[in-house]
């Protein structure tokens, strides 16, 4: 068994995940967003979800200090949106239509599913912080999701249930 961090990351990459964009606002009301694939459900009652953020992330402080955030599951045709929110461009929201959600959080208008959350808990997790959100509103459009596997986007051909 290997203890090499690169080999560990490659092994983790064998788990296919959905791709999300997580959004919030900073203390001045500016829109903050990033791509994340660390999203997971936690509980149905109460409705809880989680995601994690690296402590070295450029927008770590904004997400670590937030009381509200939204998690958008991207649609299969939104590779460009994923790449834009993963980039270091000055305005990740450039050309992205949004509305305002709970707590003033920007909501993407185009998505597969969205979860509007109030911060429930924050947990240390090594080089990441795990943010647990209480879902206060959600929507599911039932489109096929964007999938990431082995370091690249992947196509799936599955029927989608709503």
N, C-alpha and C. Protein backbone atom coordinates (compact mmCIF):
# COMPACT_ATOMS: atom_id res chain seq x y z
N UNK A 1 0.84 -1.19 0.00
CA UNK A 1 0.00 0.00 0.00
C UNK A 1 0.88 1.25 0.00
N UNK A 2 0.47 2.24 -0.80
CA UNK A 2 1.24 3.47 -0.94
C UNK A 2 0.83 4.50 0.11
N UNK A 3 1.77 5.34 0.53
CA UNK A 3 1.50 6.47 1.41
C UNK A 3 1.80 7.78 0.69
N UNK A 4 2.02 7.72 -0.62
CA UNK A 4 2.36 8.88 -1.43
C UNK A 4 1.11 9.74 -1.66
N UNK A 5 1.22 11.08 -1.45
CA UNK A 5 0.05 11.95 -1.56
C UNK A 5 -0.48 12.03 -2.99
N UNK A 6 0.40 11.99 -4.00
CA UNK A 6 -0.07 12.03 -5.39
C UNK A 6 -0.83 10.74 -5.72
N UNK A 7 -0.31 9.61 -5.27
CA UNK A 7 -0.99 8.33 -5.49
C UNK A 7 -2.35 8.32 -4.77
N UNK A 8 -2.39 8.92 -3.57
CA UNK A 8 -3.63 9.01 -2.81
C UNK A 8 -4.66 9.83 -3.58
N UNK A 9 -4.23 10.98 -4.12
CA UNK A 9 -5.14 11.83 -4.90
C UNK A 9 -5.65 11.08 -6.12
N UNK A 10 -4.78 10.34 -6.81
CA UNK A 10 -5.20 9.56 -7.98
C UNK A 10 -6.20 8.48 -7.59
N UNK A 11 -5.98 7.85 -6.44
CA UNK A 11 -6.93 6.82 -5.97
C UNK A 11 -8.29 7.46 -5.66
N UNK A 12 -8.28 8.63 -5.03
CA UNK A 12 -9.54 9.33 -4.75
C UNK A 12 -10.26 9.69 -6.05
N UNK A 13 -9.49 9.98 -7.10
CA UNK A 13 -10.07 10.33 -8.39
C UNK A 13 -10.87 9.22 -9.03
N UNK A 14 -10.72 8.00 -8.53
CA UNK A 14 -11.51 6.89 -9.06
C UNK A 14 -12.97 6.95 -8.63
N UNK A 15 -13.26 7.80 -7.64
CA UNK A 15 -14.63 8.00 -7.21
C UNK A 15 -15.23 9.12 -8.05
N UNK A 16 -16.16 8.79 -8.92
CA UNK A 16 -16.80 9.79 -9.76
C UNK A 16 -17.67 10.69 -8.89
N UNK A 17 -17.60 12.00 -9.14
CA UNK A 17 -18.40 12.95 -8.38
C UNK A 17 -19.16 13.87 -9.32
N UNK A 18 -20.16 14.49 -8.77
CA UNK A 18 -20.80 15.59 -9.47
C UNK A 18 -19.94 16.82 -9.33
N UNK A 19 -20.27 17.85 -10.09
CA UNK A 19 -19.52 19.10 -10.03
C UNK A 19 -20.48 20.19 -9.57
N UNK A 20 -20.04 20.97 -8.58
CA UNK A 20 -20.88 22.04 -8.06
C UNK A 20 -20.17 23.38 -8.14
N UNK A 21 -20.95 24.43 -8.11
CA UNK A 21 -20.45 25.77 -7.87
C UNK A 21 -21.10 26.22 -6.56
N UNK A 22 -20.25 26.64 -5.62
CA UNK A 22 -20.72 27.11 -4.32
C UNK A 22 -20.59 28.63 -4.32
N UNK A 23 -21.63 29.32 -3.86
CA UNK A 23 -21.64 30.78 -3.86
C UNK A 23 -21.97 31.33 -2.49
N UNK A 24 -21.50 32.54 -2.25
CA UNK A 24 -21.82 33.30 -1.04
C UNK A 24 -21.53 34.76 -1.35
N UNK A 25 -21.56 35.60 -0.33
CA UNK A 25 -21.12 36.99 -0.47
C UNK A 25 -20.09 37.27 0.61
N UNK A 26 -19.22 38.24 0.34
CA UNK A 26 -18.26 38.64 1.37
C UNK A 26 -18.91 39.70 2.27
N UNK A 27 -18.16 40.19 3.25
CA UNK A 27 -18.71 41.15 4.22
C UNK A 27 -19.18 42.46 3.59
N UNK A 28 -18.68 42.75 2.36
CA UNK A 28 -19.09 43.96 1.65
C UNK A 28 -20.21 43.70 0.65
N UNK A 29 -20.72 42.46 0.59
CA UNK A 29 -21.80 42.12 -0.32
C UNK A 29 -21.35 41.71 -1.71
N UNK A 30 -20.04 41.56 -1.93
CA UNK A 30 -19.53 41.12 -3.24
C UNK A 30 -19.80 39.63 -3.44
N UNK A 31 -20.12 39.27 -4.68
CA UNK A 31 -20.38 37.87 -5.02
C UNK A 31 -19.08 37.07 -4.97
N UNK A 32 -19.15 35.90 -4.33
CA UNK A 32 -18.02 34.98 -4.22
C UNK A 32 -18.50 33.62 -4.71
N UNK A 33 -17.68 32.96 -5.52
CA UNK A 33 -18.07 31.64 -6.01
C UNK A 33 -16.86 30.80 -6.35
N UNK A 34 -17.02 29.49 -6.28
CA UNK A 34 -15.95 28.57 -6.63
C UNK A 34 -16.53 27.21 -7.03
N UNK A 35 -15.76 26.49 -7.83
CA UNK A 35 -16.12 25.13 -8.20
C UNK A 35 -15.68 24.19 -7.08
N UNK A 36 -16.52 23.20 -6.77
CA UNK A 36 -16.18 22.21 -5.74
C UNK A 36 -16.82 20.87 -6.11
N UNK A 37 -16.12 19.79 -5.81
CA UNK A 37 -16.73 18.47 -6.00
C UNK A 37 -16.78 17.69 -4.69
N UNK A 38 -16.61 18.40 -3.58
CA UNK A 38 -16.63 17.77 -2.26
C UNK A 38 -18.02 17.77 -1.62
N UNK A 39 -19.04 17.94 -2.40
CA UNK A 39 -20.43 18.01 -1.92
C UNK A 39 -20.95 16.63 -1.55
N UNK A 40 -21.72 16.57 -0.46
CA UNK A 40 -22.35 15.31 -0.06
C UNK A 40 -23.59 15.59 0.79
N UNK A 41 -24.54 14.68 0.74
CA UNK A 41 -25.69 14.76 1.64
C UNK A 41 -25.25 14.27 3.02
N UNK A 42 -25.92 14.76 4.06
CA UNK A 42 -25.62 14.36 5.43
C UNK A 42 -26.85 13.75 6.09
N UNK A 43 -28.00 14.45 5.98
CA UNK A 43 -29.20 14.04 6.71
C UNK A 43 -30.44 14.49 5.96
N UNK A 44 -31.49 13.67 6.04
CA UNK A 44 -32.78 14.05 5.46
C UNK A 44 -33.64 14.81 6.46
N UNK A 45 -33.47 14.52 7.75
CA UNK A 45 -34.27 15.16 8.78
C UNK A 45 -33.41 15.44 10.01
N UNK A 46 -32.90 16.65 10.14
CA UNK A 46 -33.13 17.79 9.28
C UNK A 46 -32.36 17.67 7.97
N UNK A 47 -32.73 18.47 6.98
CA UNK A 47 -32.06 18.45 5.69
C UNK A 47 -30.70 19.12 5.84
N UNK A 48 -29.61 18.31 5.76
CA UNK A 48 -28.25 18.81 5.90
C UNK A 48 -27.39 18.31 4.75
N UNK A 49 -26.51 19.18 4.27
CA UNK A 49 -25.53 18.83 3.25
C UNK A 49 -24.17 19.35 3.71
N UNK A 50 -23.09 18.87 3.06
CA UNK A 50 -21.77 19.39 3.41
C UNK A 50 -20.92 19.55 2.17
N UNK A 51 -19.89 20.36 2.32
CA UNK A 51 -18.84 20.50 1.32
C UNK A 51 -17.60 20.96 2.08
N UNK A 52 -16.46 20.82 1.45
CA UNK A 52 -15.23 21.23 2.14
C UNK A 52 -14.42 22.16 1.26
N UNK A 53 -13.62 23.01 1.92
CA UNK A 53 -12.80 24.00 1.24
C UNK A 53 -11.38 23.95 1.80
N UNK A 54 -10.42 23.99 0.90
CA UNK A 54 -9.01 23.99 1.30
C UNK A 54 -8.68 25.29 2.02
N UNK A 55 -7.88 25.17 3.08
CA UNK A 55 -7.49 26.36 3.84
C UNK A 55 -6.60 27.29 3.01
N UNK A 56 -6.04 26.79 1.93
CA UNK A 56 -5.19 27.59 1.05
C UNK A 56 -5.96 28.25 -0.09
N UNK A 57 -7.26 28.00 -0.17
CA UNK A 57 -8.09 28.55 -1.25
C UNK A 57 -8.13 30.08 -1.16
N UNK A 58 -8.10 30.72 -2.32
CA UNK A 58 -8.11 32.19 -2.41
C UNK A 58 -9.32 32.80 -1.69
N UNK A 59 -10.46 32.12 -1.70
CA UNK A 59 -11.68 32.66 -1.08
C UNK A 59 -12.03 31.92 0.22
N UNK A 60 -11.03 31.30 0.83
CA UNK A 60 -11.26 30.55 2.07
C UNK A 60 -11.91 31.43 3.15
N UNK A 61 -11.34 32.60 3.41
CA UNK A 61 -11.85 33.45 4.50
C UNK A 61 -13.31 33.82 4.28
N UNK A 62 -13.69 34.12 3.05
CA UNK A 62 -15.07 34.50 2.76
C UNK A 62 -16.03 33.35 3.07
N UNK A 63 -15.68 32.13 2.66
CA UNK A 63 -16.56 30.99 2.93
C UNK A 63 -16.50 30.57 4.40
N UNK A 64 -15.34 30.66 5.01
CA UNK A 64 -15.19 30.27 6.40
C UNK A 64 -15.97 31.21 7.32
N UNK A 65 -16.16 32.46 6.92
CA UNK A 65 -16.86 33.45 7.74
C UNK A 65 -18.34 33.58 7.41
N UNK A 66 -18.82 32.91 6.37
CA UNK A 66 -20.19 33.12 5.91
C UNK A 66 -21.22 32.45 6.81
N UNK A 67 -22.42 32.98 6.78
CA UNK A 67 -23.56 32.38 7.48
C UNK A 67 -24.51 31.69 6.50
N UNK A 68 -24.37 32.02 5.20
CA UNK A 68 -25.22 31.46 4.16
C UNK A 68 -24.39 31.10 2.94
N UNK A 69 -24.76 30.05 2.26
CA UNK A 69 -24.14 29.70 0.99
C UNK A 69 -25.13 28.90 0.17
N UNK A 70 -24.86 28.80 -1.13
CA UNK A 70 -25.70 27.99 -2.02
C UNK A 70 -24.79 27.04 -2.78
N UNK A 71 -25.26 25.82 -2.96
CA UNK A 71 -24.53 24.80 -3.71
C UNK A 71 -25.35 24.48 -4.94
N UNK A 72 -24.74 24.72 -6.12
CA UNK A 72 -25.40 24.47 -7.40
C UNK A 72 -24.79 23.24 -8.04
N UNK A 73 -25.58 22.20 -8.27
CA UNK A 73 -25.13 21.04 -9.02
C UNK A 73 -25.22 21.42 -10.49
N UNK A 74 -24.08 21.35 -11.18
CA UNK A 74 -24.05 21.79 -12.58
C UNK A 74 -24.62 20.73 -13.51
N UNK A 75 -25.16 21.21 -14.64
CA UNK A 75 -25.70 20.34 -15.69
C UNK A 75 -24.55 19.82 -16.56
N UNK A 76 -24.81 18.73 -17.26
CA UNK A 76 -23.79 18.08 -18.09
C UNK A 76 -23.17 19.02 -19.11
N UNK A 77 -23.92 20.02 -19.57
CA UNK A 77 -23.39 20.94 -20.59
C UNK A 77 -22.75 22.20 -20.00
N UNK A 78 -22.45 22.20 -18.70
CA UNK A 78 -21.91 23.39 -18.05
C UNK A 78 -20.42 23.28 -17.70
N UNK A 79 -19.65 22.60 -18.53
CA UNK A 79 -18.20 22.51 -18.32
C UNK A 79 -17.59 23.91 -18.28
N UNK A 80 -18.07 24.80 -19.15
CA UNK A 80 -17.52 26.17 -19.18
C UNK A 80 -17.77 26.90 -17.87
N UNK A 81 -18.91 26.68 -17.25
CA UNK A 81 -19.23 27.32 -15.96
C UNK A 81 -18.31 26.77 -14.88
N UNK A 82 -18.13 25.46 -14.87
CA UNK A 82 -17.22 24.84 -13.91
C UNK A 82 -15.81 25.40 -14.06
N UNK A 83 -15.33 25.48 -15.28
CA UNK A 83 -13.98 25.99 -15.53
C UNK A 83 -13.85 27.46 -15.13
N UNK A 84 -14.89 28.26 -15.40
CA UNK A 84 -14.85 29.68 -15.06
C UNK A 84 -14.75 29.87 -13.54
N UNK A 85 -15.53 29.12 -12.78
CA UNK A 85 -15.51 29.26 -11.32
C UNK A 85 -14.29 28.59 -10.69
N UNK A 86 -13.59 27.77 -11.44
CA UNK A 86 -12.34 27.16 -10.96
C UNK A 86 -11.12 28.00 -11.34
N UNK A 87 -11.32 29.00 -12.18
CA UNK A 87 -10.20 29.80 -12.69
C UNK A 87 -9.81 30.89 -11.69
N UNK A 88 -8.73 31.58 -12.02
CA UNK A 88 -8.29 32.71 -11.18
C UNK A 88 -8.66 34.04 -11.82
N UNK A 89 -9.68 34.04 -12.69
CA UNK A 89 -10.10 35.29 -13.34
C UNK A 89 -10.61 36.28 -12.29
N UNK A 90 -10.61 37.56 -12.65
CA UNK A 90 -11.02 38.62 -11.71
C UNK A 90 -12.50 38.53 -11.33
N UNK A 91 -13.37 38.20 -12.28
CA UNK A 91 -14.81 38.14 -12.02
C UNK A 91 -15.35 36.80 -12.48
N UNK A 92 -15.46 35.88 -11.56
CA UNK A 92 -15.97 34.54 -11.90
C UNK A 92 -17.44 34.57 -12.32
N UNK A 93 -18.14 35.64 -12.01
CA UNK A 93 -19.57 35.76 -12.36
C UNK A 93 -19.79 36.44 -13.70
N UNK A 94 -18.72 36.82 -14.40
CA UNK A 94 -18.82 37.51 -15.68
C UNK A 94 -19.64 36.66 -16.67
N UNK A 95 -20.74 37.22 -17.16
CA UNK A 95 -21.59 36.53 -18.12
C UNK A 95 -22.49 35.46 -17.51
N UNK A 96 -22.53 35.35 -16.19
CA UNK A 96 -23.35 34.34 -15.51
C UNK A 96 -24.56 35.04 -14.90
N UNK A 97 -25.75 34.65 -15.33
CA UNK A 97 -26.99 35.24 -14.80
C UNK A 97 -27.25 34.71 -13.39
N UNK A 98 -27.56 35.65 -12.48
CA UNK A 98 -27.85 35.27 -11.09
C UNK A 98 -29.09 35.99 -10.59
N UNK A 99 -29.65 35.44 -9.54
CA UNK A 99 -30.69 36.10 -8.76
C UNK A 99 -30.21 36.09 -7.32
N UNK A 100 -30.96 36.72 -6.43
CA UNK A 100 -30.55 36.77 -5.02
C UNK A 100 -31.32 35.74 -4.22
N UNK A 101 -30.59 34.97 -3.42
CA UNK A 101 -31.20 33.95 -2.59
C UNK A 101 -31.17 34.31 -1.12
N UNK A 102 -31.42 33.33 -0.28
CA UNK A 102 -31.43 33.49 1.17
C UNK A 102 -30.11 34.10 1.64
N UNK A 103 -30.20 35.11 2.48
CA UNK A 103 -29.01 35.77 3.01
C UNK A 103 -28.27 36.61 1.99
N UNK A 104 -28.92 36.92 0.85
CA UNK A 104 -28.28 37.72 -0.19
C UNK A 104 -27.31 36.95 -1.07
N UNK A 105 -27.27 35.64 -0.92
CA UNK A 105 -26.35 34.80 -1.68
C UNK A 105 -26.73 34.79 -3.15
N UNK A 106 -25.76 34.94 -4.06
CA UNK A 106 -26.08 34.87 -5.49
C UNK A 106 -26.44 33.44 -5.89
N UNK A 107 -27.53 33.31 -6.61
CA UNK A 107 -27.97 32.02 -7.14
C UNK A 107 -27.81 32.02 -8.65
N UNK A 108 -27.12 31.02 -9.17
CA UNK A 108 -27.03 30.88 -10.62
C UNK A 108 -28.43 30.59 -11.13
N UNK A 109 -28.78 31.15 -12.29
CA UNK A 109 -30.10 30.89 -12.85
C UNK A 109 -30.16 29.56 -13.58
N UNK A 110 -29.01 29.05 -13.99
CA UNK A 110 -28.95 27.79 -14.74
C UNK A 110 -28.21 26.75 -13.91
N UNK A 111 -28.84 25.61 -13.67
CA UNK A 111 -28.27 24.55 -12.83
C UNK A 111 -29.09 23.28 -13.00
N UNK A 112 -28.58 22.20 -12.47
CA UNK A 112 -29.30 20.93 -12.42
C UNK A 112 -30.15 20.90 -11.14
N UNK A 113 -29.50 21.25 -10.02
CA UNK A 113 -30.17 21.36 -8.72
C UNK A 113 -29.44 22.43 -7.92
N UNK A 114 -30.16 23.05 -6.96
CA UNK A 114 -29.54 24.05 -6.10
C UNK A 114 -30.03 23.85 -4.67
N UNK A 115 -29.14 24.09 -3.73
CA UNK A 115 -29.43 23.98 -2.30
C UNK A 115 -29.01 25.27 -1.63
N UNK A 116 -29.98 26.03 -1.09
CA UNK A 116 -29.69 27.25 -0.34
C UNK A 116 -29.56 26.87 1.13
N UNK A 117 -28.45 27.28 1.74
CA UNK A 117 -28.12 26.80 3.08
C UNK A 117 -27.79 27.90 4.07
N UNK A 118 -28.14 27.63 5.32
CA UNK A 118 -27.65 28.38 6.47
C UNK A 118 -26.56 27.53 7.09
N UNK A 119 -25.46 28.15 7.52
CA UNK A 119 -24.38 27.39 8.13
C UNK A 119 -24.88 26.70 9.39
N UNK A 120 -24.72 25.39 9.46
CA UNK A 120 -25.12 24.59 10.61
C UNK A 120 -23.92 24.29 11.50
N UNK A 121 -22.78 23.94 10.87
CA UNK A 121 -21.59 23.57 11.63
C UNK A 121 -20.35 23.73 10.76
N UNK A 122 -19.24 23.90 11.42
CA UNK A 122 -17.94 24.01 10.75
C UNK A 122 -17.00 23.06 11.49
N UNK A 123 -16.29 22.20 10.74
CA UNK A 123 -15.40 21.22 11.34
C UNK A 123 -14.03 21.27 10.69
N UNK A 124 -13.00 21.18 11.51
CA UNK A 124 -11.64 21.06 11.00
C UNK A 124 -11.50 19.70 10.32
N UNK A 125 -10.80 19.67 9.20
CA UNK A 125 -10.59 18.42 8.48
C UNK A 125 -9.23 18.42 7.81
N UNK A 126 -8.16 18.39 8.60
CA UNK A 126 -6.81 18.42 8.03
C UNK A 126 -6.54 19.74 7.35
N UNK A 127 -6.21 19.70 6.05
CA UNK A 127 -5.92 20.93 5.32
C UNK A 127 -7.18 21.58 4.74
N UNK A 128 -8.35 21.08 5.14
CA UNK A 128 -9.64 21.63 4.71
C UNK A 128 -10.50 21.97 5.93
N UNK A 129 -11.55 22.75 5.69
CA UNK A 129 -12.61 22.96 6.66
C UNK A 129 -13.88 22.42 6.02
N UNK A 130 -14.63 21.66 6.80
CA UNK A 130 -15.88 21.06 6.34
C UNK A 130 -17.03 21.95 6.79
N UNK A 131 -17.83 22.41 5.83
CA UNK A 131 -18.97 23.28 6.13
C UNK A 131 -20.25 22.48 5.96
N UNK A 132 -21.02 22.40 7.03
CA UNK A 132 -22.31 21.71 7.00
C UNK A 132 -23.39 22.77 6.91
N UNK A 133 -24.28 22.61 5.95
CA UNK A 133 -25.35 23.57 5.75
C UNK A 133 -26.71 22.96 6.01
N UNK A 134 -27.57 23.72 6.69
CA UNK A 134 -28.98 23.35 6.85
C UNK A 134 -29.69 23.88 5.62
N UNK A 135 -30.30 23.01 4.85
CA UNK A 135 -30.97 23.41 3.61
C UNK A 135 -32.28 24.10 3.96
N UNK A 136 -32.40 25.35 3.52
CA UNK A 136 -33.61 26.13 3.79
C UNK A 136 -34.48 26.27 2.54
N UNK A 137 -33.90 25.95 1.39
CA UNK A 137 -34.63 25.99 0.13
C UNK A 137 -33.84 25.17 -0.89
N UNK A 138 -34.54 24.49 -1.77
CA UNK A 138 -33.84 23.75 -2.83
C UNK A 138 -34.73 23.64 -4.05
N UNK A 139 -34.09 23.33 -5.19
CA UNK A 139 -34.81 23.14 -6.44
C UNK A 139 -34.08 22.07 -7.23
N UNK A 140 -34.82 21.25 -7.94
CA UNK A 140 -34.27 20.18 -8.77
C UNK A 140 -34.91 20.26 -10.15
N UNK A 141 -34.11 20.60 -11.16
CA UNK A 141 -34.63 20.69 -12.53
C UNK A 141 -34.61 19.34 -13.23
N UNK A 142 -33.92 18.35 -12.66
CA UNK A 142 -33.95 17.00 -13.21
C UNK A 142 -33.10 16.79 -14.44
N UNK A 143 -32.18 17.71 -14.75
CA UNK A 143 -31.29 17.54 -15.90
C UNK A 143 -30.15 16.59 -15.56
N UNK A 144 -29.47 16.07 -16.59
CA UNK A 144 -28.30 15.22 -16.37
C UNK A 144 -27.19 16.07 -15.76
N UNK A 145 -26.47 15.53 -14.74
CA UNK A 145 -25.44 16.30 -14.06
C UNK A 145 -24.08 16.23 -14.76
N UNK A 146 -23.26 17.24 -14.47
CA UNK A 146 -21.86 17.23 -14.90
C UNK A 146 -21.10 16.30 -13.96
N UNK A 147 -20.28 15.42 -14.53
CA UNK A 147 -19.57 14.41 -13.74
C UNK A 147 -18.07 14.57 -13.92
N UNK A 148 -17.33 14.33 -12.84
CA UNK A 148 -15.87 14.43 -12.85
C UNK A 148 -15.30 13.09 -12.36
N UNK A 149 -14.35 12.53 -13.13
CA UNK A 149 -13.76 11.24 -12.77
C UNK A 149 -12.33 11.18 -13.28
N UNK A 150 -11.42 10.73 -12.43
CA UNK A 150 -10.02 10.51 -12.79
C UNK A 150 -9.37 11.76 -13.41
N UNK A 151 -9.69 12.92 -12.82
CA UNK A 151 -9.06 14.15 -13.23
C UNK A 151 -9.62 14.81 -14.46
N UNK A 152 -10.79 14.35 -14.93
CA UNK A 152 -11.39 14.98 -16.11
C UNK A 152 -12.91 14.83 -16.07
N UNK A 153 -13.57 15.64 -16.88
CA UNK A 153 -15.02 15.54 -16.98
C UNK A 153 -15.36 14.24 -17.70
N UNK A 154 -16.47 13.63 -17.29
CA UNK A 154 -16.88 12.35 -17.84
C UNK A 154 -18.33 12.44 -18.31
N UNK A 155 -18.64 11.64 -19.32
CA UNK A 155 -20.02 11.55 -19.81
C UNK A 155 -20.69 10.35 -19.18
N UNK A 156 -21.93 10.54 -18.81
CA UNK A 156 -22.75 9.43 -18.36
C UNK A 156 -24.01 9.43 -19.19
N UNK A 157 -24.55 8.28 -19.42
CA UNK A 157 -25.77 8.16 -20.21
C UNK A 157 -26.79 7.39 -19.37
N UNK A 158 -27.32 8.09 -18.38
CA UNK A 158 -28.28 7.47 -17.47
C UNK A 158 -29.58 8.25 -17.49
N UNK A 159 -30.70 7.56 -17.33
CA UNK A 159 -31.95 8.30 -17.19
C UNK A 159 -31.92 9.07 -15.89
N UNK A 160 -32.47 10.26 -15.90
CA UNK A 160 -32.48 11.12 -14.71
C UNK A 160 -33.88 11.14 -14.14
N UNK A 161 -34.01 10.86 -12.85
CA UNK A 161 -35.31 10.88 -12.18
C UNK A 161 -35.49 12.19 -11.46
N UNK A 162 -36.70 12.67 -11.45
CA UNK A 162 -37.00 13.91 -10.72
C UNK A 162 -37.79 13.58 -9.49
